[in-house]
């Protein structure tokens, strides 16, 4: 594959997708801890559905908020 035929994903979108993945996996870890301590199982489809929702929400929010946070950081560094 040449460089011209590859799909180029902007750094902002890639970072947001990775944060969405981190959010989904973190949720699944918390659900597993709940299952181990409380002993009640919520159901695999419920857990996967909520984990997917958490991932999409996390990715979307980080995509939208990143520019504001980057703006605040550069403003704080100059003062």
N, C-alpha and C. Protein backbone atom coordinates (compact mmCIF):
# COMPACT_ATOMS: atom_id res chain seq x y z
N UNK A 1 0.83 -1.19 0.00
CA UNK A 1 0.00 0.00 0.00
C UNK A 1 0.87 1.25 0.00
N UNK A 2 0.52 2.16 -0.83
CA UNK A 2 1.26 3.41 -0.85
C UNK A 2 0.64 4.38 0.13
N UNK A 3 1.36 5.46 0.39
CA UNK A 3 0.84 6.46 1.33
C UNK A 3 -0.40 7.15 0.81
N UNK A 4 -0.56 7.22 -0.50
CA UNK A 4 -1.72 7.92 -1.07
C UNK A 4 -3.02 7.12 -0.91
N UNK A 5 -2.93 5.78 -0.81
CA UNK A 5 -4.14 4.97 -0.72
C UNK A 5 -4.55 4.69 0.72
N UNK A 6 -3.74 5.04 1.69
CA UNK A 6 -4.10 4.82 3.09
C UNK A 6 -5.13 5.84 3.55
N UNK A 7 -5.95 5.40 4.47
CA UNK A 7 -6.93 6.29 5.09
C UNK A 7 -6.22 7.11 6.16
N UNK A 8 -6.31 8.41 6.06
CA UNK A 8 -5.66 9.29 7.03
C UNK A 8 -6.70 9.77 8.04
N UNK A 9 -6.45 9.42 9.29
CA UNK A 9 -7.34 9.83 10.37
C UNK A 9 -6.67 10.98 11.10
N UNK A 10 -7.37 12.10 11.25
CA UNK A 10 -6.78 13.23 11.98
C UNK A 10 -6.41 12.84 13.42
N UNK A 11 -5.38 13.47 13.93
CA UNK A 11 -4.89 13.15 15.28
C UNK A 11 -5.98 13.37 16.33
N UNK A 12 -6.79 14.41 16.14
CA UNK A 12 -7.86 14.70 17.10
C UNK A 12 -8.88 13.57 17.15
N UNK A 13 -9.25 13.04 15.97
CA UNK A 13 -10.21 11.95 15.92
C UNK A 13 -9.62 10.66 16.47
N UNK A 14 -8.35 10.40 16.17
CA UNK A 14 -7.71 9.20 16.67
C UNK A 14 -7.62 9.22 18.20
N UNK A 15 -7.25 10.36 18.76
CA UNK A 15 -7.17 10.48 20.21
C UNK A 15 -8.54 10.29 20.85
N UNK A 16 -9.57 10.84 20.23
CA UNK A 16 -10.93 10.70 20.77
C UNK A 16 -11.39 9.25 20.73
N UNK A 17 -11.09 8.54 19.64
CA UNK A 17 -11.46 7.13 19.56
C UNK A 17 -10.73 6.30 20.61
N UNK A 18 -9.47 6.62 20.85
CA UNK A 18 -8.73 5.89 21.87
C UNK A 18 -9.30 6.16 23.27
N UNK A 19 -9.71 7.40 23.54
CA UNK A 19 -10.35 7.69 24.82
C UNK A 19 -11.68 6.96 24.95
N UNK A 20 -12.40 6.83 23.84
CA UNK A 20 -13.64 6.05 23.86
C UNK A 20 -13.38 4.59 24.19
N UNK A 21 -12.30 4.04 23.64
CA UNK A 21 -11.93 2.66 23.95
C UNK A 21 -11.56 2.52 25.43
N UNK A 22 -10.82 3.48 25.95
CA UNK A 22 -10.46 3.46 27.38
C UNK A 22 -11.71 3.53 28.24
N UNK A 23 -12.66 4.37 27.87
CA UNK A 23 -13.91 4.48 28.63
C UNK A 23 -14.70 3.19 28.62
N UNK A 24 -14.79 2.54 27.47
CA UNK A 24 -15.53 1.28 27.37
C UNK A 24 -14.88 0.19 28.21
N UNK A 25 -13.56 0.07 28.09
CA UNK A 25 -12.87 -0.97 28.85
C UNK A 25 -12.93 -0.70 30.36
N UNK A 26 -12.85 0.57 30.74
CA UNK A 26 -12.96 0.91 32.16
C UNK A 26 -14.34 0.54 32.70
N UNK A 27 -15.36 0.80 31.92
CA UNK A 27 -16.71 0.43 32.34
C UNK A 27 -16.83 -1.08 32.51
N UNK A 28 -16.27 -1.84 31.57
CA UNK A 28 -16.34 -3.30 31.67
C UNK A 28 -15.59 -3.83 32.89
N UNK A 29 -14.48 -3.18 33.25
CA UNK A 29 -13.76 -3.57 34.46
C UNK A 29 -14.62 -3.31 35.69
N UNK A 30 -15.28 -2.16 35.73
CA UNK A 30 -16.14 -1.85 36.87
C UNK A 30 -17.33 -2.80 36.96
N UNK A 31 -17.90 -3.18 35.83
CA UNK A 31 -19.01 -4.12 35.85
C UNK A 31 -18.54 -5.49 36.33
N UNK A 32 -17.35 -5.88 35.92
CA UNK A 32 -16.83 -7.16 36.38
C UNK A 32 -16.57 -7.14 37.89
N UNK A 33 -16.06 -6.04 38.40
CA UNK A 33 -15.85 -5.91 39.85
C UNK A 33 -17.18 -5.96 40.59
N UNK A 34 -18.20 -5.31 40.03
CA UNK A 34 -19.53 -5.37 40.63
C UNK A 34 -20.05 -6.80 40.64
N UNK A 35 -19.84 -7.50 39.55
CA UNK A 35 -20.31 -8.88 39.46
C UNK A 35 -19.59 -9.76 40.48
N UNK A 36 -18.31 -9.53 40.69
CA UNK A 36 -17.56 -10.34 41.65
C UNK A 36 -17.95 -10.04 43.09
N UNK A 37 -18.22 -8.77 43.39
CA UNK A 37 -18.54 -8.41 44.78
C UNK A 37 -20.01 -8.62 45.11
N UNK A 38 -20.92 -8.24 44.25
CA UNK A 38 -22.34 -8.33 44.55
C UNK A 38 -22.91 -9.70 44.17
N UNK A 39 -22.29 -10.35 43.21
CA UNK A 39 -22.75 -11.67 42.84
C UNK A 39 -23.91 -11.70 41.87
N UNK A 40 -24.40 -10.56 41.44
CA UNK A 40 -25.51 -10.56 40.48
C UNK A 40 -24.97 -10.25 39.08
N UNK A 41 -25.47 -11.01 38.11
CA UNK A 41 -25.01 -10.86 36.72
C UNK A 41 -26.05 -10.06 35.96
N UNK A 42 -25.61 -9.03 35.26
CA UNK A 42 -26.53 -8.14 34.56
C UNK A 42 -26.94 -8.65 33.19
N UNK A 43 -26.16 -9.52 32.60
CA UNK A 43 -26.43 -10.01 31.25
C UNK A 43 -25.38 -9.46 30.29
N UNK A 44 -24.91 -10.31 29.41
CA UNK A 44 -23.81 -9.94 28.53
C UNK A 44 -24.21 -8.84 27.55
N UNK A 45 -25.42 -8.91 27.03
CA UNK A 45 -25.85 -7.91 26.04
C UNK A 45 -26.07 -6.56 26.68
N UNK A 46 -26.54 -6.55 27.90
CA UNK A 46 -26.71 -5.28 28.62
C UNK A 46 -25.36 -4.64 28.87
N UNK A 47 -24.40 -5.45 29.33
CA UNK A 47 -23.06 -4.92 29.60
C UNK A 47 -22.39 -4.40 28.32
N UNK A 48 -22.48 -5.17 27.24
CA UNK A 48 -21.86 -4.73 25.99
C UNK A 48 -22.55 -3.50 25.41
N UNK A 49 -23.87 -3.44 25.55
CA UNK A 49 -24.59 -2.27 25.05
C UNK A 49 -24.25 -1.00 25.80
N UNK A 50 -24.19 -1.11 27.11
CA UNK A 50 -23.84 0.06 27.91
C UNK A 50 -22.38 0.43 27.69
N UNK A 51 -21.50 -0.56 27.55
CA UNK A 51 -20.08 -0.28 27.30
C UNK A 51 -19.91 0.43 25.96
N UNK A 52 -20.66 0.00 24.95
CA UNK A 52 -20.61 0.68 23.64
C UNK A 52 -21.13 2.11 23.76
N UNK A 53 -22.20 2.30 24.51
CA UNK A 53 -22.73 3.65 24.71
C UNK A 53 -21.73 4.54 25.45
N UNK A 54 -21.08 3.99 26.47
CA UNK A 54 -20.07 4.75 27.20
C UNK A 54 -18.92 5.12 26.27
N UNK A 55 -18.51 4.20 25.42
CA UNK A 55 -17.43 4.47 24.48
C UNK A 55 -17.78 5.55 23.49
N UNK A 56 -18.97 5.49 22.93
CA UNK A 56 -19.40 6.51 21.96
C UNK A 56 -19.53 7.87 22.64
N UNK A 57 -20.10 7.89 23.83
CA UNK A 57 -20.25 9.14 24.56
C UNK A 57 -18.89 9.73 24.93
N UNK A 58 -17.98 8.89 25.39
CA UNK A 58 -16.65 9.36 25.76
C UNK A 58 -15.90 9.90 24.54
N UNK A 59 -15.96 9.17 23.44
CA UNK A 59 -15.28 9.62 22.22
C UNK A 59 -15.86 10.94 21.73
N UNK A 60 -17.18 11.05 21.74
CA UNK A 60 -17.82 12.29 21.29
C UNK A 60 -17.49 13.48 22.17
N UNK A 61 -17.54 13.26 23.47
CA UNK A 61 -17.23 14.37 24.39
C UNK A 61 -15.78 14.80 24.30
N UNK A 62 -14.86 13.84 24.19
CA UNK A 62 -13.46 14.23 24.09
C UNK A 62 -13.18 14.94 22.77
N UNK A 63 -13.88 14.56 21.72
CA UNK A 63 -13.70 15.25 20.43
C UNK A 63 -14.18 16.70 20.53
N UNK A 64 -15.30 16.90 21.22
CA UNK A 64 -15.85 18.25 21.33
C UNK A 64 -15.10 19.13 22.33
N UNK A 65 -14.64 18.54 23.42
CA UNK A 65 -14.06 19.31 24.52
C UNK A 65 -12.56 19.53 24.34
N UNK A 66 -11.91 18.74 23.50
CA UNK A 66 -10.45 18.83 23.37
C UNK A 66 -9.98 20.22 22.97
N UNK A 67 -10.68 20.85 22.06
CA UNK A 67 -10.25 22.19 21.64
C UNK A 67 -10.36 23.20 22.77
N UNK A 68 -11.38 23.06 23.60
CA UNK A 68 -11.52 23.97 24.74
C UNK A 68 -10.41 23.75 25.76
N UNK A 69 -10.12 22.49 26.03
CA UNK A 69 -9.06 22.19 26.99
C UNK A 69 -7.70 22.62 26.45
N UNK A 70 -7.45 22.42 25.17
CA UNK A 70 -6.18 22.84 24.58
C UNK A 70 -6.07 24.36 24.60
N UNK A 71 -7.18 25.05 24.40
CA UNK A 71 -7.18 26.51 24.46
C UNK A 71 -6.89 27.00 25.86
N UNK A 72 -7.47 26.36 26.86
CA UNK A 72 -7.21 26.74 28.25
C UNK A 72 -5.77 26.45 28.65
N UNK A 73 -5.23 25.35 28.17
CA UNK A 73 -3.87 24.99 28.54
C UNK A 73 -2.88 25.99 27.95
N UNK A 74 -3.07 26.36 26.69
CA UNK A 74 -2.13 27.32 26.08
C UNK A 74 -2.27 28.68 26.71
N UNK A 75 -3.46 29.05 27.14
CA UNK A 75 -3.66 30.33 27.78
C UNK A 75 -3.01 30.33 29.17
N UNK A 76 -3.09 29.21 29.90
CA UNK A 76 -2.49 29.14 31.23
C UNK A 76 -0.97 29.09 31.17
N UNK A 77 -0.41 28.53 30.11
CA UNK A 77 1.04 28.44 30.00
C UNK A 77 1.67 29.79 29.73
N UNK A 78 0.95 30.68 29.06
CA UNK A 78 1.50 31.98 28.72
C UNK A 78 1.48 32.93 29.90
N UNK A 79 0.58 32.72 30.86
CA UNK A 79 0.49 33.63 31.99
C UNK A 79 1.32 33.19 33.16
